[in-house]
PDB file of N, CA and C in Angstrom:
ATOM      1  N   UNK A   1       0.836  -1.182   0.000  1.00  0.00           N
ATOM      2  CA  UNK A   1       0.000   0.000   0.000  1.00  0.00           C
ATOM      3  C   UNK A   1       0.879   1.244   0.000  1.00  0.00           C
ATOM      4  N   UNK A   2       0.316   2.343  -0.417  1.00  0.00           N
ATOM      5  CA  UNK A   2       1.021   3.623  -0.348  1.00  0.00           C
ATOM      6  C   UNK A   2       1.243   3.964   1.118  1.00  0.00           C
ATOM      7  N   UNK A   3       2.378   4.526   1.453  1.00  0.00           N
ATOM      8  CA  UNK A   3       2.620   4.885   2.860  1.00  0.00           C
ATOM      9  C   UNK A   3       1.584   5.884   3.373  1.00  0.00           C
ATOM     10  N   UNK A   4       1.092   5.633   4.578  1.00  0.00           N
ATOM     11  CA  UNK A   4       0.205   6.595   5.220  1.00  0.00           C
ATOM     12  C   UNK A   4       1.006   7.829   5.590  1.00  0.00           C
ATOM     13  N   UNK A   5       0.331   8.950   5.642  1.00  0.00           N
ATOM     14  CA  UNK A   5       1.044  10.142   6.089  1.00  0.00           C
ATOM     15  C   UNK A   5       1.433   9.943   7.553  1.00  0.00           C
ATOM     16  N   UNK A   6       2.492  10.596   7.998  1.00  0.00           N
ATOM     17  CA  UNK A   6       3.011  10.365   9.346  1.00  0.00           C
ATOM     18  C   UNK A   6       1.986  10.578  10.466  1.00  0.00           C
ATOM     19  N   UNK A   7       1.133  11.578  10.338  1.00  0.00           N
ATOM     20  CA  UNK A   7       0.146  11.830  11.398  1.00  0.00           C
ATOM     21  C   UNK A   7      -0.868  10.706  11.509  1.00  0.00           C
ATOM     22  N   UNK A   8      -1.348  10.211  10.373  1.00  0.00           N
ATOM     23  CA  UNK A   8      -2.314   9.106  10.396  1.00  0.00           C
ATOM     24  C   UNK A   8      -1.652   7.861  10.973  1.00  0.00           C
ATOM     25  N   UNK A   9      -0.418   7.590  10.582  1.00  0.00           N
ATOM     26  CA  UNK A   9       0.296   6.425  11.091  1.00  0.00           C
ATOM     27  C   UNK A   9       0.484   6.547  12.608  1.00  0.00           C
ATOM     28  N   UNK A  10       0.875   7.734  13.084  1.00  0.00           N
ATOM     29  CA  UNK A  10       1.042   7.943  14.529  1.00  0.00           C
ATOM     30  C   UNK A  10      -0.263   7.702  15.268  1.00  0.00           C
ATOM     31  N   UNK A  11      -1.387   8.108  14.672  1.00  0.00           N
ATOM     32  CA  UNK A  11      -2.687   7.857  15.298  1.00  0.00           C
ATOM     33  C   UNK A  11      -2.955   6.368  15.419  1.00  0.00           C
ATOM     34  N   UNK A  12      -2.611   5.594  14.386  1.00  0.00           N
ATOM     35  CA  UNK A  12      -2.807   4.147  14.456  1.00  0.00           C
ATOM     36  C   UNK A  12      -1.956   3.532  15.572  1.00  0.00           C
ATOM     37  N   UNK A  13      -0.710   3.982  15.677  1.00  0.00           N
ATOM     38  CA  UNK A  13       0.166   3.485  16.741  1.00  0.00           C
ATOM     39  C   UNK A  13      -0.430   3.834  18.104  1.00  0.00           C
ATOM     40  N   UNK A  14      -0.904   5.061  18.258  1.00  0.00           N
ATOM     41  CA  UNK A  14      -1.508   5.485  19.525  1.00  0.00           C
ATOM     42  C   UNK A  14      -2.741   4.655  19.851  1.00  0.00           C
ATOM     43  N   UNK A  15      -3.560   4.357  18.844  1.00  0.00           N
ATOM     44  CA  UNK A  15      -4.754   3.536  19.062  1.00  0.00           C
ATOM     45  C   UNK A  15      -4.374   2.136  19.529  1.00  0.00           C
ATOM     46  N   UNK A  16      -3.324   1.575  18.937  1.00  0.00           N
ATOM     47  CA  UNK A  16      -2.853   0.244  19.355  1.00  0.00           C
ATOM     48  C   UNK A  16      -2.396   0.297  20.807  1.00  0.00           C
ATOM     49  N   UNK A  17      -1.630   1.311  21.169  1.00  0.00           N
ATOM     50  CA  UNK A  17      -1.134   1.432  22.538  1.00  0.00           C
ATOM     51  C   UNK A  17      -2.293   1.645  23.508  1.00  0.00           C
ATOM     52  N   UNK A  18      -3.257   2.482  23.136  1.00  0.00           N
ATOM     53  CA  UNK A  18      -4.416   2.736  23.995  1.00  0.00           C
ATOM     54  C   UNK A  18      -5.263   1.488  24.203  1.00  0.00           C
ATOM     55  N   UNK A  19      -5.234   0.560  23.244  1.00  0.00           N
ATOM     56  CA  UNK A  19      -6.035  -0.657  23.336  1.00  0.00           C
ATOM     57  C   UNK A  19      -5.358  -1.756  24.169  1.00  0.00           C
ATOM     58  N   UNK A  20      -4.110  -1.536  24.563  1.00  0.00           N
ATOM     59  CA  UNK A  20      -3.428  -2.531  25.397  1.00  0.00           C
ATOM     60  C   UNK A  20      -4.139  -2.637  26.741  1.00  0.00           C
ATOM     61  N   UNK A  21      -4.128  -3.822  27.334  1.00  0.00           N
ATOM     62  CA  UNK A  21      -4.748  -3.954  28.660  1.00  0.00           C
ATOM     63  C   UNK A  21      -4.081  -3.001  29.660  1.00  0.00           C
ATOM     64  N   UNK A  22      -4.872  -2.324  30.493  1.00  0.00           N
ATOM     65  CA  UNK A  22      -4.297  -1.374  31.455  1.00  0.00           C
ATOM     66  C   UNK A  22      -3.248  -2.013  32.371  1.00  0.00           C
ATOM     67  N   UNK A  23      -3.436  -3.290  32.683  1.00  0.00           N
ATOM     68  CA  UNK A  23      -2.472  -3.975  33.546  1.00  0.00           C
ATOM     69  C   UNK A  23      -1.093  -4.006  32.895  1.00  0.00           C
ATOM     70  N   UNK A  24      -1.059  -4.170  31.595  1.00  0.00           N
ATOM     71  CA  UNK A  24       0.209  -4.205  30.871  1.00  0.00           C
ATOM     72  C   UNK A  24       0.852  -2.819  30.868  1.00  0.00           C
ATOM     73  N   UNK A  25       0.076  -1.814  30.557  1.00  0.00           N
ATOM     74  CA  UNK A  25       0.590  -0.453  30.530  1.00  0.00           C
ATOM     75  C   UNK A  25       1.123  -0.003  31.874  1.00  0.00           C
ATOM     76  N   UNK A  26       0.462  -0.420  32.945  1.00  0.00           N
ATOM     77  CA  UNK A  26       0.910  -0.003  34.276  1.00  0.00           C
ATOM     78  C   UNK A  26       2.231  -0.656  34.662  1.00  0.00           C
ATOM     79  N   UNK A  27       2.594  -1.753  34.010  1.00  0.00           N
ATOM     80  CA  UNK A  27       3.854  -2.434  34.300  1.00  0.00           C
ATOM     81  C   UNK A  27       5.018  -1.867  33.496  1.00  0.00           C
ATOM     82  N   UNK A  28       4.712  -1.142  32.446  1.00  0.00           N
ATOM     83  CA  UNK A  28       5.774  -0.547  31.630  1.00  0.00           C
ATOM     84  C   UNK A  28       6.371   0.620  32.396  1.00  0.00           C
ATOM     85  N   UNK A  29       7.679   0.679  32.433  1.00  0.00           N
ATOM     86  CA  UNK A  29       8.356   1.686  33.231  1.00  0.00           C
ATOM     87  C   UNK A  29       9.286   2.528  32.373  1.00  0.00           C
ATOM     88  N   UNK A  30       8.972   3.815  32.252  1.00  0.00           N
ATOM     89  CA  UNK A  30       9.856   4.775  31.590  1.00  0.00           C
ATOM     90  C   UNK A  30      10.171   4.373  30.143  1.00  0.00           C
ATOM     91  N   UNK A  31       9.126   4.249  29.327  1.00  0.00           N
ATOM     92  CA  UNK A  31       9.278   3.843  27.923  1.00  0.00           C
ATOM     93  C   UNK A  31       8.642   4.897  27.016  1.00  0.00           C
ATOM     94  N   UNK A  32       9.391   5.353  26.033  1.00  0.00           N
ATOM     95  CA  UNK A  32       8.870   6.259  25.018  1.00  0.00           C
ATOM     96  C   UNK A  32       8.639   5.463  23.735  1.00  0.00           C
ATOM     97  N   UNK A  33       7.484   5.640  23.127  1.00  0.00           N
ATOM     98  CA  UNK A  33       7.186   5.002  21.845  1.00  0.00           C
ATOM     99  C   UNK A  33       7.200   6.103  20.796  1.00  0.00           C
ATOM    100  N   UNK A  34       8.031   5.916  19.763  1.00  0.00           N
ATOM    101  CA  UNK A  34       8.175   6.923  18.713  1.00  0.00           C
ATOM    102  C   UNK A  34       7.950   6.280  17.351  1.00  0.00           C
ATOM    103  N   UNK A  35       7.546   7.099  16.397  1.00  0.00           N
ATOM    104  CA  UNK A  35       7.388   6.661  15.010  1.00  0.00           C
ATOM    105  C   UNK A  35       8.515   7.294  14.204  1.00  0.00           C
ATOM    106  N   UNK A  36       9.186   6.469  13.436  1.00  0.00           N
ATOM    107  CA  UNK A  36      10.228   6.936  12.526  1.00  0.00           C
ATOM    108  C   UNK A  36       9.941   6.349  11.156  1.00  0.00           C
ATOM    109  N   UNK A  37      10.491   6.967  10.114  1.00  0.00           N
ATOM    110  CA  UNK A  37      10.236   6.458   8.764  1.00  0.00           C
ATOM    111  C   UNK A  37      10.825   5.071   8.565  1.00  0.00           C
ATOM    112  N   UNK A  38      12.112   4.917   8.857  1.00  0.00           N
ATOM    113  CA  UNK A  38      12.745   3.596   8.788  1.00  0.00           C
ATOM    114  C   UNK A  38      14.042   3.620   9.569  1.00  0.00           C
ATOM    115  N   UNK A  39      14.526   2.440   9.938  1.00  0.00           N
ATOM    116  CA  UNK A  39      15.806   2.325  10.638  1.00  0.00           C
ATOM    117  C   UNK A  39      16.903   2.721   9.655  1.00  0.00           C
ATOM    118  N   UNK A  40      17.927   3.434  10.121  1.00  0.00           N
ATOM    119  CA  UNK A  40      18.940   3.941   9.185  1.00  0.00           C
ATOM    120  C   UNK A  40      19.815   2.872   8.535  1.00  0.00           C
ATOM    121  N   UNK A  41      19.984   1.712   9.167  1.00  0.00           N
ATOM    122  CA  UNK A  41      20.907   0.725   8.605  1.00  0.00           C
ATOM    123  C   UNK A  41      20.326  -0.669   8.443  1.00  0.00           C
ATOM    124  N   UNK A  42      19.220  -0.969   9.107  1.00  0.00           N
ATOM    125  CA  UNK A  42      18.660  -2.319   9.056  1.00  0.00           C
ATOM    126  C   UNK A  42      17.223  -2.289   8.553  1.00  0.00           C
ATOM    127  N   UNK A  43      16.769  -3.415   8.036  1.00  0.00           N
ATOM    128  CA  UNK A  43      15.397  -3.550   7.553  1.00  0.00           C
ATOM    129  C   UNK A  43      14.538  -4.072   8.703  1.00  0.00           C
ATOM    130  N   UNK A  44      14.026  -3.150   9.517  1.00  0.00           N
ATOM    131  CA  UNK A  44      13.266  -3.513  10.709  1.00  0.00           C
ATOM    132  C   UNK A  44      11.878  -2.899  10.670  1.00  0.00           C
ATOM    133  N   UNK A  45      10.951  -3.542  11.395  1.00  0.00           N
ATOM    134  CA  UNK A  45       9.610  -2.987  11.574  1.00  0.00           C
ATOM    135  C   UNK A  45       9.528  -2.183  12.862  1.00  0.00           C
ATOM    136  N   UNK A  46      10.321  -2.609  13.845  1.00  0.00           N
ATOM    137  CA  UNK A  46      10.347  -1.929  15.130  1.00  0.00           C
ATOM    138  C   UNK A  46      11.641  -2.249  15.843  1.00  0.00           C
ATOM    139  N   UNK A  47      11.933  -1.475  16.888  1.00  0.00           N
ATOM    140  CA  UNK A  47      13.170  -1.690  17.635  1.00  0.00           C
ATOM    141  C   UNK A  47      12.984  -1.230  19.067  1.00  0.00           C
ATOM    142  N   UNK A  48      13.408  -2.086  20.009  1.00  0.00           N
ATOM    143  CA  UNK A  48      13.444  -1.713  21.421  1.00  0.00           C
ATOM    144  C   UNK A  48      14.876  -1.373  21.777  1.00  0.00           C
ATOM    145  N   UNK A  49      15.073  -0.213  22.385  1.00  0.00           N
ATOM    146  CA  UNK A  49      16.388   0.203  22.854  1.00  0.00           C
ATOM    147  C   UNK A  49      16.261   0.553  24.328  1.00  0.00           C
ATOM    148  N   UNK A  50      17.013  -0.154  25.152  1.00  0.00           N
ATOM    149  CA  UNK A  50      16.958   0.128  26.576  1.00  0.00           C
ATOM    150  C   UNK A  50      17.444  -1.055  27.381  1.00  0.00           C
ATOM    151  N   UNK A  51      17.136  -1.015  28.652  1.00  0.00           N
ATOM    152  CA  UNK A  51      17.506  -2.089  29.573  1.00  0.00           C
ATOM    153  C   UNK A  51      16.214  -2.790  29.983  1.00  0.00           C
ATOM    154  N   UNK A  52      16.053  -4.056  29.581  1.00  0.00           N
ATOM    155  CA  UNK A  52      14.828  -4.780  29.947  1.00  0.00           C
ATOM    156  C   UNK A  52      14.620  -4.786  31.462  1.00  0.00           C
ATOM    157  N   UNK A  53      13.373  -4.814  31.876  1.00  0.00           N
ATOM    158  CA  UNK A  53      13.057  -4.810  33.301  1.00  0.00           C
ATOM    159  C   UNK A  53      13.742  -5.947  34.049  1.00  0.00           C
ATOM    160  N   UNK A  54      13.924  -7.078  33.385  1.00  0.00           N
ATOM    161  CA  UNK A  54      14.547  -8.237  34.034  1.00  0.00           C
ATOM    162  C   UNK A  54      16.039  -8.056  34.263  1.00  0.00           C
ATOM    163  N   UNK A  55      16.636  -7.040  33.645  1.00  0.00           N
ATOM    164  CA  UNK A  55      18.080  -6.826  33.768  1.00  0.00           C
ATOM    165  C   UNK A  55      18.427  -5.556  34.540  1.00  0.00           C
ATOM    166  N   UNK A  56      17.448  -4.855  35.035  1.00  0.00           N
ATOM    167  CA  UNK A  56      17.709  -3.605  35.750  1.00  0.00           C
ATOM    168  C   UNK A  56      18.064  -3.904  37.195  1.00  0.00           C
ATOM    169  N   UNK A  57      19.191  -3.390  37.609  1.00  0.00           N
ATOM    170  CA  UNK A  57      19.570  -3.502  39.013  1.00  0.00           C
ATOM    171  C   UNK A  57      19.157  -2.244  39.757  1.00  0.00           C
ATOM    172  N   UNK A  58      19.629  -1.125  39.293  1.00  0.00           N
ATOM    173  CA  UNK A  58      19.213   0.146  39.875  1.00  0.00           C
ATOM    174  C   UNK A  58      18.708   1.013  38.734  1.00  0.00           C
ATOM    175  N   UNK A  59      17.705   1.775  39.023  1.00  0.00           N
ATOM    176  CA  UNK A  59      17.105   2.611  37.994  1.00  0.00           C
ATOM    177  C   UNK A  59      16.618   3.874  38.679  1.00  0.00           C
ATOM    178  N   UNK A  60      17.362   4.931  38.543  1.00  0.00           N
ATOM    179  CA  UNK A  60      17.057   6.160  39.250  1.00  0.00           C
ATOM    180  C   UNK A  60      16.224   7.127  38.436  1.00  0.00           C
ATOM    181  N   UNK A  61      15.961   8.242  39.028  1.00  0.00           N
ATOM    182  CA  UNK A  61      15.107   9.256  38.418  1.00  0.00           C
ATOM    183  C   UNK A  61      15.765   9.942  37.225  1.00  0.00           C
ATOM    184  N   UNK A  62      17.068   9.794  37.083  1.00  0.00           N
ATOM    185  CA  UNK A  62      17.769  10.514  36.027  1.00  0.00           C
ATOM    186  C   UNK A  62      18.083   9.638  34.814  1.00  0.00           C
ATOM    187  N   UNK A  63      17.516   8.468  34.759  1.00  0.00           N
ATOM    188  CA  UNK A  63      17.739   7.574  33.629  1.00  0.00           C
ATOM    189  C   UNK A  63      16.933   8.049  32.426  1.00  0.00           C
ATOM    190  N   UNK A  64      17.526   7.928  31.248  1.00  0.00           N
ATOM    191  CA  UNK A  64      16.792   8.210  30.019  1.00  0.00           C
ATOM    192  C   UNK A  64      15.757   7.110  29.820  1.00  0.00           C
ATOM    193  N   UNK A  65      14.620   7.440  29.224  1.00  0.00           N
ATOM    194  CA  UNK A  65      13.611   6.391  29.010  1.00  0.00           C
ATOM    195  C   UNK A  65      14.087   5.379  27.976  1.00  0.00           C
ATOM    196  N   UNK A  66      13.589   4.156  28.126  1.00  0.00           N
ATOM    197  CA  UNK A  66      13.765   3.179  27.073  1.00  0.00           C
ATOM    198  C   UNK A  66      12.982   3.696  25.868  1.00  0.00           C
ATOM    199  N   UNK A  67      13.316   3.171  24.695  1.00  0.00           N
ATOM    200  CA  UNK A  67      12.687   3.683  23.476  1.00  0.00           C
ATOM    201  C   UNK A  67      12.216   2.526  22.611  1.00  0.00           C
ATOM    202  N   UNK A  68      10.983   2.615  22.179  1.00  0.00           N
ATOM    203  CA  UNK A  68      10.439   1.697  21.181  1.00  0.00           C
ATOM    204  C   UNK A  68      10.179   2.519  19.929  1.00  0.00           C
ATOM    205  N   UNK A  69      10.860   2.145  18.853  1.00  0.00           N
ATOM    206  CA  UNK A  69      10.649   2.805  17.559  1.00  0.00           C
ATOM    207  C   UNK A  69       9.772   1.907  16.697  1.00  0.00           C
ATOM    208  N   UNK A  70       8.795   2.506  16.045  1.00  0.00           N
ATOM    209  CA  UNK A  70       7.930   1.816  15.099  1.00  0.00           C
ATOM    210  C   UNK A  70       8.200   2.462  13.747  1.00  0.00           C
ATOM    211  N   UNK A  71       8.571   1.637  12.763  1.00  0.00           N
ATOM    212  CA  UNK A  71       9.024   2.157  11.473  1.00  0.00           C
ATOM    213  C   UNK A  71       7.886   2.155  10.448  1.00  0.00           C
ATOM    214  N   UNK A  72       7.465   3.356  10.088  1.00  0.00           N
ATOM    215  CA  UNK A  72       6.297   3.582   9.234  1.00  0.00           C
ATOM    216  C   UNK A  72       6.433   2.987   7.833  1.00  0.00           C
ATOM    217  N   UNK A  73       7.499   3.301   7.129  1.00  0.00           N
ATOM    218  CA  UNK A  73       7.591   2.906   5.722  1.00  0.00           C
ATOM    219  C   UNK A  73       7.658   1.394   5.518  1.00  0.00           C
ATOM    220  N   UNK A  74       8.509   0.655   6.251  1.00  0.00           N
ATOM    221  CA  UNK A  74       8.512  -0.798   6.038  1.00  0.00           C
ATOM    222  C   UNK A  74       7.171  -1.449   6.381  1.00  0.00           C
ATOM    223  N   UNK A  75       6.513  -0.946   7.425  1.00  0.00           N
ATOM    224  CA  UNK A  75       5.208  -1.519   7.770  1.00  0.00           C
ATOM    225  C   UNK A  75       4.189  -1.241   6.669  1.00  0.00           C
ATOM    226  N   UNK A  76       4.165  -0.026   6.145  1.00  0.00           N
ATOM    227  CA  UNK A  76       3.229   0.296   5.055  1.00  0.00           C
ATOM    228  C   UNK A  76       3.531  -0.537   3.808  1.00  0.00           C
ATOM    229  N   UNK A  77       4.815  -0.703   3.513  1.00  0.00           N
ATOM    230  CA  UNK A  77       5.210  -1.434   2.308  1.00  0.00           C
ATOM    231  C   UNK A  77       4.797  -2.900   2.343  1.00  0.00           C
ATOM    232  N   UNK A  78       4.692  -3.482   3.528  1.00  0.00           N
ATOM    233  CA  UNK A  78       4.382  -4.912   3.609  1.00  0.00           C
ATOM    234  C   UNK A  78       2.880  -5.201   3.666  1.00  0.00           C
ATOM    235  N   UNK A  79       2.062  -4.156   3.766  1.00  0.00           N
ATOM    236  CA  UNK A  79       0.630  -4.344   3.957  1.00  0.00           C
ATOM    237  C   UNK A  79      -0.171  -3.953   2.724  1.00  0.00           C
ATOM    238  N   UNK A  80      -1.327  -4.579   2.598  1.00  0.00           N
ATOM    239  CA  UNK A  80      -2.220  -4.317   1.467  1.00  0.00           C
ATOM    240  C   UNK A  80      -3.213  -3.190   1.749  1.00  0.00           C
ATOM    241  N   UNK A  81      -3.597  -3.046   3.031  1.00  0.00           N
ATOM    242  CA  UNK A  81      -4.594  -2.037   3.379  1.00  0.00           C
ATOM    243  C   UNK A  81      -4.414  -1.618   4.840  1.00  0.00           C
ATOM    244  N   UNK A  82      -5.204  -0.657   5.265  1.00  0.00           N
ATOM    245  CA  UNK A  82      -5.047  -0.104   6.609  1.00  0.00           C
ATOM    246  C   UNK A  82      -5.401  -1.118   7.704  1.00  0.00           C
ATOM    247  N   UNK A  83      -6.327  -2.013   7.435  1.00  0.00           N
ATOM    248  CA  UNK A  83      -6.676  -3.037   8.419  1.00  0.00           C
ATOM    249  C   UNK A  83      -5.485  -3.952   8.671  1.00  0.00           C
ATOM    250  N   UNK A  84      -4.860  -4.403   7.603  1.00  0.00           N
ATOM    251  CA  UNK A  84      -3.666  -5.238   7.744  1.00  0.00           C
ATOM    252  C   UNK A  84      -2.540  -4.456   8.421  1.00  0.00           C
ATOM    253  N   UNK A  85      -2.409  -3.179   8.078  1.00  0.00           N
ATOM    254  CA  UNK A  85      -1.386  -2.331   8.675  1.00  0.00           C
ATOM    255  C   UNK A  85      -1.601  -2.215  10.184  1.00  0.00           C
ATOM    256  N   UNK A  86      -2.832  -1.995  10.605  1.00  0.00           N
ATOM    257  CA  UNK A  86      -3.125  -1.903  12.036  1.00  0.00           C
ATOM    258  C   UNK A  86      -2.747  -3.189  12.749  1.00  0.00           C
ATOM    259  N   UNK A  87      -3.042  -4.327  12.137  1.00  0.00           N
ATOM    260  CA  UNK A  87      -2.665  -5.626  12.728  1.00  0.00           C
ATOM    261  C   UNK A  87      -1.150  -5.742  12.859  1.00  0.00           C
ATOM    262  N   UNK A  88      -0.424  -5.330  11.832  1.00  0.00           N
ATOM    263  CA  UNK A  88       1.040  -5.423  11.863  1.00  0.00           C
ATOM    264  C   UNK A  88       1.644  -4.447  12.868  1.00  0.00           C
ATOM    265  N   UNK A  89       1.043  -3.274  13.003  1.00  0.00           N
ATOM    266  CA  UNK A  89       1.499  -2.328  14.022  1.00  0.00           C
ATOM    267  C   UNK A  89       1.319  -2.955  15.404  1.00  0.00           C
ATOM    268  N   UNK A  90       0.173  -3.579  15.627  1.00  0.00           N
ATOM    269  CA  UNK A  90      -0.089  -4.225  16.919  1.00  0.00           C
ATOM    270  C   UNK A  90       0.942  -5.311  17.210  1.00  0.00           C
ATOM    271  N   UNK A  91       1.210  -6.149  16.239  1.00  0.00           N
ATOM    272  CA  UNK A  91       2.205  -7.216  16.416  1.00  0.00           C
ATOM    273  C   UNK A  91       3.572  -6.610  16.727  1.00  0.00           C
ATOM    274  N   UNK A  92       3.939  -5.568  16.003  1.00  0.00           N
ATOM    275  CA  UNK A  92       5.243  -4.927  16.194  1.00  0.00           C
ATOM    276  C   UNK A  92       5.347  -4.299  17.574  1.00  0.00           C
ATOM    277  N   UNK A  93       4.328  -3.560  17.985  1.00  0.00           N
ATOM    278  CA  UNK A  93       4.348  -2.906  19.293  1.00  0.00           C
ATOM    279  C   UNK A  93       4.412  -3.949  20.406  1.00  0.00           C
ATOM    280  N   UNK A  94       3.613  -4.982  20.329  1.00  0.00           N
ATOM    281  CA  UNK A  94       3.632  -6.029  21.357  1.00  0.00           C
ATOM    282  C   UNK A  94       4.987  -6.724  21.385  1.00  0.00           C
ATOM    283  N   UNK A  95       5.551  -6.979  20.225  1.00  0.00           N
ATOM    284  CA  UNK A  95       6.876  -7.612  20.131  1.00  0.00           C
ATOM    285  C   UNK A  95       7.921  -6.761  20.853  1.00  0.00           C
ATOM    286  N   UNK A  96       7.915  -5.458  20.607  1.00  0.00           N
ATOM    287  CA  UNK A  96       8.917  -4.585  21.225  1.00  0.00           C
ATOM    288  C   UNK A  96       8.654  -4.391  22.714  1.00  0.00           C
ATOM    289  N   UNK A  97       7.395  -4.330  23.118  1.00  0.00           N
ATOM    290  CA  UNK A  97       7.074  -4.254  24.549  1.00  0.00           C
ATOM    291  C   UNK A  97       7.560  -5.514  25.255  1.00  0.00           C
ATOM    292  N   UNK A  98       7.430  -6.650  24.596  1.00  0.00           N
ATOM    293  CA  UNK A  98       7.914  -7.904  25.189  1.00  0.00           C
ATOM    294  C   UNK A  98       9.409  -7.815  25.478  1.00  0.00           C
ATOM    295  N   UNK A  99      10.162  -7.188  24.581  1.00  0.00           N
ATOM    296  CA  UNK A  99      11.598  -7.007  24.837  1.00  0.00           C
ATOM    297  C   UNK A  99      11.809  -6.136  26.077  1.00  0.00           C
ATOM    298  N   UNK A 100      10.983  -5.136  26.286  1.00  0.00           N
ATOM    299  CA  UNK A 100      11.065  -4.298  27.486  1.00  0.00           C
ATOM    300  C   UNK A 100      10.909  -5.157  28.743  1.00  0.00           C
ATOM    301  N   UNK A 101      10.073  -6.173  28.652  1.00  0.00           N
ATOM    302  CA  UNK A 101       9.851  -7.069  29.789  1.00  0.00           C
ATOM    303  C   UNK A 101      10.864  -8.201  29.859  1.00  0.00           C
ATOM    304  N   UNK A 102      11.844  -8.189  28.945  1.00  0.00           N
ATOM    305  CA  UNK A 102      12.913  -9.187  28.998  1.00  0.00           C
ATOM    306  C   UNK A 102      12.635 -10.466  28.235  1.00  0.00           C
ATOM    307  N   UNK A 103      11.640 -10.463  27.382  1.00  0.00           N
ATOM    308  CA  UNK A 103      11.313 -11.642  26.576  1.00  0.00           C
ATOM    309  C   UNK A 103      12.094 -11.540  25.274  1.00  0.00           C
ATOM    310  N   UNK A 104      12.929 -12.547  24.998  1.00  0.00           N
ATOM    311  CA  UNK A 104      13.776 -12.488  23.804  1.00  0.00           C
ATOM    312  C   UNK A 104      13.052 -13.027  22.574  1.00  0.00           C
ATOM    313  N   UNK A 105      13.709 -12.898  21.417  1.00  0.00           N
ATOM    314  CA  UNK A 105      13.094 -13.314  20.149  1.00  0.00           C
ATOM    315  C   UNK A 105      12.758 -14.796  20.116  1.00  0.00           C
ATOM    316  N   UNK A 106      13.606 -15.645  20.694  1.00  0.00           N
ATOM    317  CA  UNK A 106      13.333 -17.082  20.705  1.00  0.00           C
ATOM    318  C   UNK A 106      12.039 -17.385  21.463  1.00  0.00           C
ATOM    319  N   UNK A 107      11.874 -16.765  22.625  1.00  0.00           N
ATOM    320  CA  UNK A 107      10.652 -16.982  23.416  1.00  0.00           C
ATOM    321  C   UNK A 107       9.440 -16.431  22.669  1.00  0.00           C
ATOM    322  N   UNK A 108       9.594 -15.269  22.054  1.00  0.00           N
ATOM    323  CA  UNK A 108       8.490 -14.702  21.272  1.00  0.00           C
ATOM    324  C   UNK A 108       8.094 -15.617  20.123  1.00  0.00           C
ATOM    325  N   UNK A 109       9.086 -16.191  19.467  1.00  0.00           N
ATOM    326  CA  UNK A 109       8.797 -17.109  18.364  1.00  0.00           C
ATOM    327  C   UNK A 109       8.026 -18.321  18.888  1.00  0.00           C
ATOM    328  N   UNK A 110       8.440 -18.851  20.006  1.00  0.00           N
ATOM    329  CA  UNK A 110       7.773 -20.008  20.606  1.00  0.00           C
ATOM    330  C   UNK A 110       6.308 -19.684  20.936  1.00  0.00           C
ATOM    331  N   UNK A 111       6.066 -18.429  21.363  1.00  0.00           N
ATOM    332  CA  UNK A 111       4.709 -17.994  21.704  1.00  0.00           C
ATOM    333  C   UNK A 111       3.898 -17.574  20.493  1.00  0.00           C
ATOM    334  N   UNK A 112       4.518 -17.596  19.294  1.00  0.00           N
ATOM    335  CA  UNK A 112       3.800 -17.208  18.083  1.00  0.00           C
ATOM    336  C   UNK A 112       3.844 -15.719  17.783  1.00  0.00           C
ATOM    337  N   UNK A 113       4.736 -14.965  18.426  1.00  0.00           N
ATOM    338  CA  UNK A 113       4.836 -13.525  18.219  1.00  0.00           C
ATOM    339  C   UNK A 113       6.135 -13.144  17.523  1.00  0.00           C
ATOM    340  N   UNK A 114       6.908 -14.106  17.067  1.00  0.00           N
ATOM    341  CA  UNK A 114       8.203 -13.762  16.494  1.00  0.00           C
ATOM    342  C   UNK A 114       8.303 -14.013  15.037  1.00  0.00           C
TER     343      UNK A 114
END
């Protein structure tokens, strides 16, 4: 499909995040979710950058937030329509949130999310 304009894509990402169970959102600690056009060097749909909750020893008030990037152009390019795009955004966001919780790609694959 043609790439959605950045504002519409950001709205879809926000809708996916808003639809997450509140229990999940309340467990996320200091995470920023951003939309970017694409990763500068790799062919990715999303990327988690930070220290997973399972690996944090000390985490003070001055720590930078973890970051989840959702890449607009690759997601649009792989989808046929906005419904499929919304589904892929959801899968991508959940996949990256799982990394925040310390779930690696192998475990995600075993659970059907990888």
